[in-house]
ModelCIF file with pLDDT and N, C-alpha, C, O atoms, coordinates in Angstrom:
data_MODEL
#
_entry.id   MODEL 
#
_entity.id                         1 
_entity.type                       polymer 
_entity.pdbx_number_of_molecules   1 
#
_entity_poly.entity_id                      1 
_entity_poly.type                           'polypeptide(L)' 
_entity_poly.nstd_linkage                   no 
_entity_poly.nstd_monomer                   no 
_entity_poly.pdbx_seq_one_letter_code       NLARVFERICVNAGLRHIRLHDLRHTTASLLKRL 
_entity_poly.pdbx_seq_one_letter_code_can   NLARVFERICVNAGLRHIRLHDLRHTTASLLKRL 
_entity_poly.pdbx_strand_id                 A 
#
loop_
_entity_poly_seq.entity_id 
_entity_poly_seq.num 
_entity_poly_seq.mon_id 
_entity_poly_seq.hetero 
1 1  ASN n 
1 2  LEU n 
1 3  ALA n 
1 4  ARG n 
1 5  VAL n 
1 6  PHE n 
1 7  GLU n 
1 8  ARG n 
1 9  ILE n 
1 10 CYS n 
1 11 VAL n 
1 12 ASN n 
1 13 ALA n 
1 14 GLY n 
1 15 LEU n 
1 16 ARG n 
1 17 HIS n 
1 18 ILE n 
1 19 ARG n 
1 20 LEU n 
1 21 HIS n 
1 22 ASP n 
1 23 LEU n 
1 24 ARG n 
1 25 HIS n 
1 26 THR n 
1 27 THR n 
1 28 ALA n 
1 29 SER n 
1 30 LEU n 
1 31 LEU n 
1 32 LYS n 
1 33 ARG n 
1 34 LEU n 
#
_struct_asym.id          A 
_struct_asym.entity_id   1 
#
loop_
_ma_qa_metric.id 
_ma_qa_metric.mode 
_ma_qa_metric.name 
_ma_qa_metric.software_group_id 
_ma_qa_metric.type 
1 global pLDDT . pLDDT 
2 local  pLDDT . pLDDT 
#
_ma_qa_metric_global.metric_id      1 
_ma_qa_metric_global.metric_value   90.88 
_ma_qa_metric_global.model_id       1 
_ma_qa_metric_global.ordinal_id     1 
#
loop_
_ma_qa_metric_local.label_asym_id 
_ma_qa_metric_local.label_comp_id 
_ma_qa_metric_local.label_seq_id 
_ma_qa_metric_local.metric_id 
_ma_qa_metric_local.metric_value 
_ma_qa_metric_local.model_id 
_ma_qa_metric_local.ordinal_id 
A ASN 1  2 93.00 1 1  
A LEU 2  2 93.00 1 2  
A ALA 3  2 93.00 1 3  
A ARG 4  2 94.00 1 4  
A VAL 5  2 93.00 1 5  
A PHE 6  2 94.00 1 6  
A GLU 7  2 95.00 1 7  
A ARG 8  2 95.00 1 8  
A ILE 9  2 94.00 1 9  
A CYS 10 2 94.00 1 10 
A VAL 11 2 95.00 1 11 
A ASN 12 2 96.00 1 12 
A ALA 13 2 95.00 1 13 
A GLY 14 2 95.00 1 14 
A LEU 15 2 92.00 1 15 
A ARG 16 2 91.00 1 16 
A HIS 17 2 90.00 1 17 
A ILE 18 2 91.00 1 18 
A ARG 19 2 92.00 1 19 
A LEU 20 2 90.00 1 20 
A HIS 21 2 89.00 1 21 
A ASP 22 2 90.00 1 22 
A LEU 23 2 90.00 1 23 
A ARG 24 2 87.00 1 24 
A HIS 25 2 87.00 1 25 
A THR 26 2 87.00 1 26 
A THR 27 2 89.00 1 27 
A ALA 28 2 87.00 1 28 
A SER 29 2 85.00 1 29 
A LEU 30 2 88.00 1 30 
A LEU 31 2 89.00 1 31 
A LYS 32 2 85.00 1 32 
A ARG 33 2 84.00 1 33 
A LEU 34 2 88.00 1 34 
#
loop_
_atom_site.group_PDB 
_atom_site.id 
_atom_site.type_symbol 
_atom_site.label_atom_id 
_atom_site.label_alt_id 
_atom_site.label_comp_id 
_atom_site.label_asym_id 
_atom_site.label_entity_id 
_atom_site.label_seq_id 
_atom_site.pdbx_PDB_ins_code 
_atom_site.Cartn_x 
_atom_site.Cartn_y 
_atom_site.Cartn_z 
_atom_site.occupancy 
_atom_site.B_iso_or_equiv 
_atom_site.pdbx_formal_charge 
_atom_site.auth_seq_id 
_atom_site.auth_comp_id 
_atom_site.auth_asym_id 
_atom_site.auth_atom_id 
_atom_site.pdbx_PDB_model_num 
ATOM 1   N N  . ASN A 1 1  ? 109.439 55.444 106.271 1.00 93.00 ? 1  ASN A N  1 
ATOM 2   C CA . ASN A 1 1  ? 108.499 54.974 105.253 1.00 93.00 ? 1  ASN A CA 1 
ATOM 3   C C  . ASN A 1 1  ? 108.651 53.480 105.028 1.00 93.00 ? 1  ASN A C  1 
ATOM 4   O O  . ASN A 1 1  ? 107.657 52.776 104.848 1.00 93.00 ? 1  ASN A O  1 
ATOM 5   N N  . LEU A 1 2  ? 109.884 52.987 105.035 1.00 93.00 ? 2  LEU A N  1 
ATOM 6   C CA . LEU A 1 2  ? 110.126 51.556 104.883 1.00 93.00 ? 2  LEU A CA 1 
ATOM 7   C C  . LEU A 1 2  ? 109.469 50.795 106.034 1.00 93.00 ? 2  LEU A C  1 
ATOM 8   O O  . LEU A 1 2  ? 108.850 49.753 105.818 1.00 93.00 ? 2  LEU A O  1 
ATOM 9   N N  . ALA A 1 3  ? 109.601 51.310 107.241 1.00 93.00 ? 3  ALA A N  1 
ATOM 10  C CA . ALA A 1 3  ? 108.996 50.665 108.413 1.00 93.00 ? 3  ALA A CA 1 
ATOM 11  C C  . ALA A 1 3  ? 107.475 50.643 108.283 1.00 93.00 ? 3  ALA A C  1 
ATOM 12  O O  . ALA A 1 3  ? 106.844 49.647 108.637 1.00 93.00 ? 3  ALA A O  1 
ATOM 13  N N  . ARG A 1 4  ? 106.876 51.724 107.780 1.00 94.00 ? 4  ARG A N  1 
ATOM 14  C CA . ARG A 1 4  ? 105.418 51.775 107.604 1.00 94.00 ? 4  ARG A CA 1 
ATOM 15  C C  . ARG A 1 4  ? 104.950 50.758 106.562 1.00 94.00 ? 4  ARG A C  1 
ATOM 16  O O  . ARG A 1 4  ? 103.934 50.090 106.754 1.00 94.00 ? 4  ARG A O  1 
ATOM 17  N N  . VAL A 1 5  ? 105.696 50.643 105.460 1.00 93.00 ? 5  VAL A N  1 
ATOM 18  C CA . VAL A 1 5  ? 105.336 49.670 104.428 1.00 93.00 ? 5  VAL A CA 1 
ATOM 19  C C  . VAL A 1 5  ? 105.447 48.254 104.990 1.00 93.00 ? 5  VAL A C  1 
ATOM 20  O O  . VAL A 1 5  ? 104.575 47.419 104.749 1.00 93.00 ? 5  VAL A O  1 
ATOM 21  N N  . PHE A 1 6  ? 106.505 47.986 105.731 1.00 94.00 ? 6  PHE A N  1 
ATOM 22  C CA . PHE A 1 6  ? 106.681 46.664 106.336 1.00 94.00 ? 6  PHE A CA 1 
ATOM 23  C C  . PHE A 1 6  ? 105.520 46.356 107.283 1.00 94.00 ? 6  PHE A C  1 
ATOM 24  O O  . PHE A 1 6  ? 105.002 45.239 107.297 1.00 94.00 ? 6  PHE A O  1 
ATOM 25  N N  . GLU A 1 7  ? 105.119 47.345 108.066 1.00 95.00 ? 7  GLU A N  1 
ATOM 26  C CA . GLU A 1 7  ? 104.001 47.170 108.994 1.00 95.00 ? 7  GLU A CA 1 
ATOM 27  C C  . GLU A 1 7  ? 102.721 46.839 108.229 1.00 95.00 ? 7  GLU A C  1 
ATOM 28  O O  . GLU A 1 7  ? 101.955 45.965 108.636 1.00 95.00 ? 7  GLU A O  1 
ATOM 29  N N  . ARG A 1 8  ? 102.500 47.533 107.136 1.00 95.00 ? 8  ARG A N  1 
ATOM 30  C CA . ARG A 1 8  ? 101.309 47.289 106.309 1.00 95.00 ? 8  ARG A CA 1 
ATOM 31  C C  . ARG A 1 8  ? 101.334 45.873 105.708 1.00 95.00 ? 8  ARG A C  1 
ATOM 32  O O  . ARG A 1 8  ? 100.303 45.203 105.650 1.00 95.00 ? 8  ARG A O  1 
ATOM 33  N N  . ILE A 1 9  ? 102.501 45.430 105.267 1.00 94.00 ? 9  ILE A N  1 
ATOM 34  C CA . ILE A 1 9  ? 102.638 44.072 104.714 1.00 94.00 ? 9  ILE A CA 1 
ATOM 35  C C  . ILE A 1 9  ? 102.289 43.043 105.783 1.00 94.00 ? 9  ILE A C  1 
ATOM 36  O O  . ILE A 1 9  ? 101.585 42.073 105.502 1.00 94.00 ? 9  ILE A O  1 
ATOM 37  N N  . CYS A 1 10 ? 102.774 43.245 107.005 1.00 94.00 ? 10 CYS A N  1 
ATOM 38  C CA . CYS A 1 10 ? 102.480 42.314 108.098 1.00 94.00 ? 10 CYS A CA 1 
ATOM 39  C C  . CYS A 1 10 ? 100.981 42.266 108.389 1.00 94.00 ? 10 CYS A C  1 
ATOM 40  O O  . CYS A 1 10 ? 100.415 41.186 108.556 1.00 94.00 ? 10 CYS A O  1 
ATOM 41  N N  . VAL A 1 11 ? 100.340 43.429 108.451 1.00 95.00 ? 11 VAL A N  1 
ATOM 42  C CA . VAL A 1 11 ? 98.895  43.483 108.721 1.00 95.00 ? 11 VAL A CA 1 
ATOM 43  C C  . VAL A 1 11 ? 98.132  42.774 107.608 1.00 95.00 ? 11 VAL A C  1 
ATOM 44  O O  . VAL A 1 11 ? 97.247  41.962 107.879 1.00 95.00 ? 11 VAL A O  1 
ATOM 45  N N  . ASN A 1 12 ? 98.471  43.079 106.357 1.00 96.00 ? 12 ASN A N  1 
ATOM 46  C CA . ASN A 1 12 ? 97.772  42.463 105.222 1.00 96.00 ? 12 ASN A CA 1 
ATOM 47  C C  . ASN A 1 12 ? 97.960  40.953 105.173 1.00 96.00 ? 12 ASN A C  1 
ATOM 48  O O  . ASN A 1 12 ? 97.089  40.234 104.682 1.00 96.00 ? 12 ASN A O  1 
ATOM 49  N N  . ALA A 1 13 ? 99.084  40.472 105.674 1.00 95.00 ? 13 ALA A N  1 
ATOM 50  C CA . ALA A 1 13 ? 99.363  39.028 105.680 1.00 95.00 ? 13 ALA A CA 1 
ATOM 51  C C  . ALA A 1 13 ? 98.810  38.351 106.935 1.00 95.00 ? 13 ALA A C  1 
ATOM 52  O O  . ALA A 1 13 ? 98.899  37.132 107.074 1.00 95.00 ? 13 ALA A O  1 
ATOM 53  N N  . GLY A 1 14 ? 98.237  39.142 107.850 1.00 95.00 ? 14 GLY A N  1 
ATOM 54  C CA . GLY A 1 14 ? 97.677  38.578 109.066 1.00 95.00 ? 14 GLY A CA 1 
ATOM 55  C C  . GLY A 1 14 ? 98.726  38.154 110.076 1.00 95.00 ? 14 GLY A C  1 
ATOM 56  O O  . GLY A 1 14 ? 98.462  37.295 110.918 1.00 95.00 ? 14 GLY A O  1 
ATOM 57  N N  . LEU A 1 15 ? 99.908  38.740 110.006 1.00 92.00 ? 15 LEU A N  1 
ATOM 58  C CA . LEU A 1 15 ? 100.989 38.402 110.931 1.00 92.00 ? 15 LEU A CA 1 
ATOM 59  C C  . LEU A 1 15 ? 100.916 39.276 112.173 1.00 92.00 ? 15 LEU A C  1 
ATOM 60  O O  . LEU A 1 15 ? 100.354 40.371 112.154 1.00 92.00 ? 15 LEU A O  1 
ATOM 61  N N  . ARG A 1 16 ? 101.497 38.765 113.252 1.00 91.00 ? 16 ARG A N  1 
ATOM 62  C CA . ARG A 1 16 ? 101.536 39.575 114.469 1.00 91.00 ? 16 ARG A CA 1 
ATOM 63  C C  . ARG A 1 16 ? 102.463 40.772 114.238 1.00 91.00 ? 16 ARG A C  1 
ATOM 64  O O  . ARG A 1 16 ? 103.321 40.741 113.355 1.00 91.00 ? 16 ARG A O  1 
ATOM 65  N N  . HIS A 1 17 ? 102.283 41.812 115.028 1.00 90.00 ? 17 HIS A N  1 
ATOM 66  C CA . HIS A 1 17 ? 103.085 43.027 114.872 1.00 90.00 ? 17 HIS A CA 1 
ATOM 67  C C  . HIS A 1 17 ? 104.528 42.763 115.285 1.00 90.00 ? 17 HIS A C  1 
ATOM 68  O O  . HIS A 1 17 ? 104.787 42.303 116.397 1.00 90.00 ? 17 HIS A O  1 
ATOM 69  N N  . ILE A 1 18 ? 105.458 43.052 114.395 1.00 91.00 ? 18 ILE A N  1 
ATOM 70  C CA . ILE A 1 18 ? 106.878 43.061 114.708 1.00 91.00 ? 18 ILE A CA 1 
ATOM 71  C C  . ILE A 1 18 ? 107.490 44.271 114.030 1.00 91.00 ? 18 ILE A C  1 
ATOM 72  O O  . ILE A 1 18 ? 106.965 44.776 113.038 1.00 91.00 ? 18 ILE A O  1 
ATOM 73  N N  . ARG A 1 19 ? 108.587 44.724 114.569 1.00 92.00 ? 19 ARG A N  1 
ATOM 74  C CA . ARG A 1 19 ? 109.306 45.830 113.950 1.00 92.00 ? 19 ARG A CA 1 
ATOM 75  C C  . ARG A 1 19 ? 110.199 45.274 112.847 1.00 92.00 ? 19 ARG A C  1 
ATOM 76  O O  . ARG A 1 19 ? 110.623 44.119 112.905 1.00 92.00 ? 19 ARG A O  1 
ATOM 77  N N  . LEU A 1 20 ? 110.477 46.085 111.862 1.00 90.00 ? 20 LEU A N  1 
ATOM 78  C CA . LEU A 1 20 ? 111.373 45.680 110.782 1.00 90.00 ? 20 LEU A CA 1 
ATOM 79  C C  . LEU A 1 20 ? 112.720 45.240 111.361 1.00 90.00 ? 20 LEU A C  1 
ATOM 80  O O  . LEU A 1 20 ? 113.303 44.259 110.898 1.00 90.00 ? 20 LEU A O  1 
ATOM 81  N N  . HIS A 1 21 ? 113.210 45.952 112.354 1.00 89.00 ? 21 HIS A N  1 
ATOM 82  C CA . HIS A 1 21 ? 114.496 45.637 112.970 1.00 89.00 ? 21 HIS A CA 1 
ATOM 83  C C  . HIS A 1 21 ? 114.495 44.248 113.618 1.00 89.00 ? 21 HIS A C  1 
ATOM 84  O O  . HIS A 1 21 ? 115.549 43.627 113.752 1.00 89.00 ? 21 HIS A O  1 
ATOM 85  N N  . ASP A 1 22 ? 113.311 43.760 114.023 1.00 90.00 ? 22 ASP A N  1 
ATOM 86  C CA . ASP A 1 22 ? 113.228 42.441 114.642 1.00 90.00 ? 22 ASP A CA 1 
ATOM 87  C C  . ASP A 1 22 ? 113.681 41.339 113.689 1.00 90.00 ? 22 ASP A C  1 
ATOM 88  O O  . ASP A 1 22 ? 114.048 40.253 114.137 1.00 90.00 ? 22 ASP A O  1 
ATOM 89  N N  . LEU A 1 23 ? 113.662 41.599 112.389 1.00 90.00 ? 23 LEU A N  1 
ATOM 90  C CA . LEU A 1 23 ? 114.136 40.608 111.423 1.00 90.00 ? 23 LEU A CA 1 
ATOM 91  C C  . LEU A 1 23 ? 115.619 40.317 111.617 1.00 90.00 ? 23 LEU A C  1 
ATOM 92  O O  . LEU A 1 23 ? 116.069 39.200 111.361 1.00 90.00 ? 23 LEU A O  1 
ATOM 93  N N  . ARG A 1 24 ? 116.380 41.307 112.063 1.00 87.00 ? 24 ARG A N  1 
ATOM 94  C CA . ARG A 1 24 ? 117.810 41.068 112.343 1.00 87.00 ? 24 ARG A CA 1 
ATOM 95  C C  . ARG A 1 24 ? 117.964 40.100 113.515 1.00 87.00 ? 24 ARG A C  1 
ATOM 96  O O  . ARG A 1 24 ? 118.797 39.194 113.475 1.00 87.00 ? 24 ARG A O  1 
ATOM 97  N N  . HIS A 1 25 ? 117.155 40.296 114.560 1.00 87.00 ? 25 HIS A N  1 
ATOM 98  C CA . HIS A 1 25 ? 117.209 39.398 115.712 1.00 87.00 ? 25 HIS A CA 1 
ATOM 99  C C  . HIS A 1 25 ? 116.810 37.984 115.287 1.00 87.00 ? 25 HIS A C  1 
ATOM 100 O O  . HIS A 1 25 ? 117.436 37.006 115.697 1.00 87.00 ? 25 HIS A O  1 
ATOM 101 N N  . THR A 1 26 ? 115.774 37.885 114.468 1.00 87.00 ? 26 THR A N  1 
ATOM 102 C CA . THR A 1 26 ? 115.328 36.580 113.989 1.00 87.00 ? 26 THR A CA 1 
ATOM 103 C C  . THR A 1 26 ? 116.423 35.907 113.173 1.00 87.00 ? 26 THR A C  1 
ATOM 104 O O  . THR A 1 26 ? 116.685 34.716 113.340 1.00 87.00 ? 26 THR A O  1 
ATOM 105 N N  . THR A 1 27 ? 117.059 36.665 112.295 1.00 89.00 ? 27 THR A N  1 
ATOM 106 C CA . THR A 1 27 ? 118.142 36.111 111.483 1.00 89.00 ? 27 THR A CA 1 
ATOM 107 C C  . THR A 1 27 ? 119.266 35.603 112.375 1.00 89.00 ? 27 THR A C  1 
ATOM 108 O O  . THR A 1 27 ? 119.778 34.504 112.165 1.00 89.00 ? 27 THR A O  1 
ATOM 109 N N  . ALA A 1 28 ? 119.649 36.395 113.363 1.00 87.00 ? 28 ALA A N  1 
ATOM 110 C CA . ALA A 1 28 ? 120.725 35.988 114.275 1.00 87.00 ? 28 ALA A CA 1 
ATOM 111 C C  . ALA A 1 28 ? 120.348 34.715 115.017 1.00 87.00 ? 28 ALA A C  1 
ATOM 112 O O  . ALA A 1 28 ? 121.172 33.811 115.156 1.00 87.00 ? 28 ALA A O  1 
ATOM 113 N N  . SER A 1 29 ? 119.126 34.638 115.487 1.00 85.00 ? 29 SER A N  1 
ATOM 114 C CA . SER A 1 29 ? 118.687 33.455 116.224 1.00 85.00 ? 29 SER A CA 1 
ATOM 115 C C  . SER A 1 29 ? 118.623 32.231 115.314 1.00 85.00 ? 29 SER A C  1 
ATOM 116 O O  . SER A 1 29 ? 118.978 31.131 115.736 1.00 85.00 ? 29 SER A O  1 
ATOM 117 N N  . LEU A 1 30 ? 118.175 32.408 114.072 1.00 88.00 ? 30 LEU A N  1 
ATOM 118 C CA . LEU A 1 30 ? 118.149 31.291 113.124 1.00 88.00 ? 30 LEU A CA 1 
ATOM 119 C C  . LEU A 1 30 ? 119.558 30.812 112.800 1.00 88.00 ? 30 LEU A C  1 
ATOM 120 O O  . LEU A 1 30 ? 119.805 29.609 112.720 1.00 88.00 ? 30 LEU A O  1 
ATOM 121 N N  . LEU A 1 31 ? 120.476 31.745 112.616 1.00 89.00 ? 31 LEU A N  1 
ATOM 122 C CA . LEU A 1 31 ? 121.863 31.360 112.352 1.00 89.00 ? 31 LEU A CA 1 
ATOM 123 C C  . LEU A 1 31 ? 122.408 30.537 113.516 1.00 89.00 ? 31 LEU A C  1 
ATOM 124 O O  . LEU A 1 31 ? 123.102 29.541 113.312 1.00 89.00 ? 31 LEU A O  1 
ATOM 125 N N  . LYS A 1 32 ? 122.089 30.959 114.733 1.00 85.00 ? 32 LYS A N  1 
ATOM 126 C CA . LYS A 1 32 ? 122.531 30.220 115.924 1.00 85.00 ? 32 LYS A CA 1 
ATOM 127 C C  . LYS A 1 32 ? 121.925 28.826 115.936 1.00 85.00 ? 32 LYS A C  1 
ATOM 128 O O  . LYS A 1 32 ? 122.632 27.839 116.137 1.00 85.00 ? 32 LYS A O  1 
ATOM 129 N N  . ARG A 1 33 ? 120.612 28.744 115.719 1.00 84.00 ? 33 ARG A N  1 
ATOM 130 C CA . ARG A 1 33 ? 119.920 27.454 115.756 1.00 84.00 ? 33 ARG A CA 1 
ATOM 131 C C  . ARG A 1 33 ? 120.449 26.500 114.680 1.00 84.00 ? 33 ARG A C  1 
ATOM 132 O O  . ARG A 1 33 ? 120.499 25.288 114.891 1.00 84.00 ? 33 ARG A O  1 
ATOM 133 N N  . LEU A 1 34 ? 120.840 27.046 113.537 1.00 88.00 ? 34 LEU A N  1 
ATOM 134 C CA . LEU A 1 34 ? 121.347 26.224 112.441 1.00 88.00 ? 34 LEU A CA 1 
ATOM 135 C C  . LEU A 1 34 ? 122.817 25.842 112.622 1.00 88.00 ? 34 LEU A C  1 
ATOM 136 O O  . LEU A 1 34 ? 123.384 25.150 111.777 1.00 88.00 ? 34 LEU A O  1 
#
C-alpha cells in the first residue's frame, strides 16, 4: 500500500516512474557525490 501511494504521488507530481526502493539508491549516490 505504501508503494501504491508513493506511485500515485509521483504520477500526481508529474514525475517519471520510480520505485519507492529507488530512493535508497538515490540517497546512497547523493551521499557519495557529497
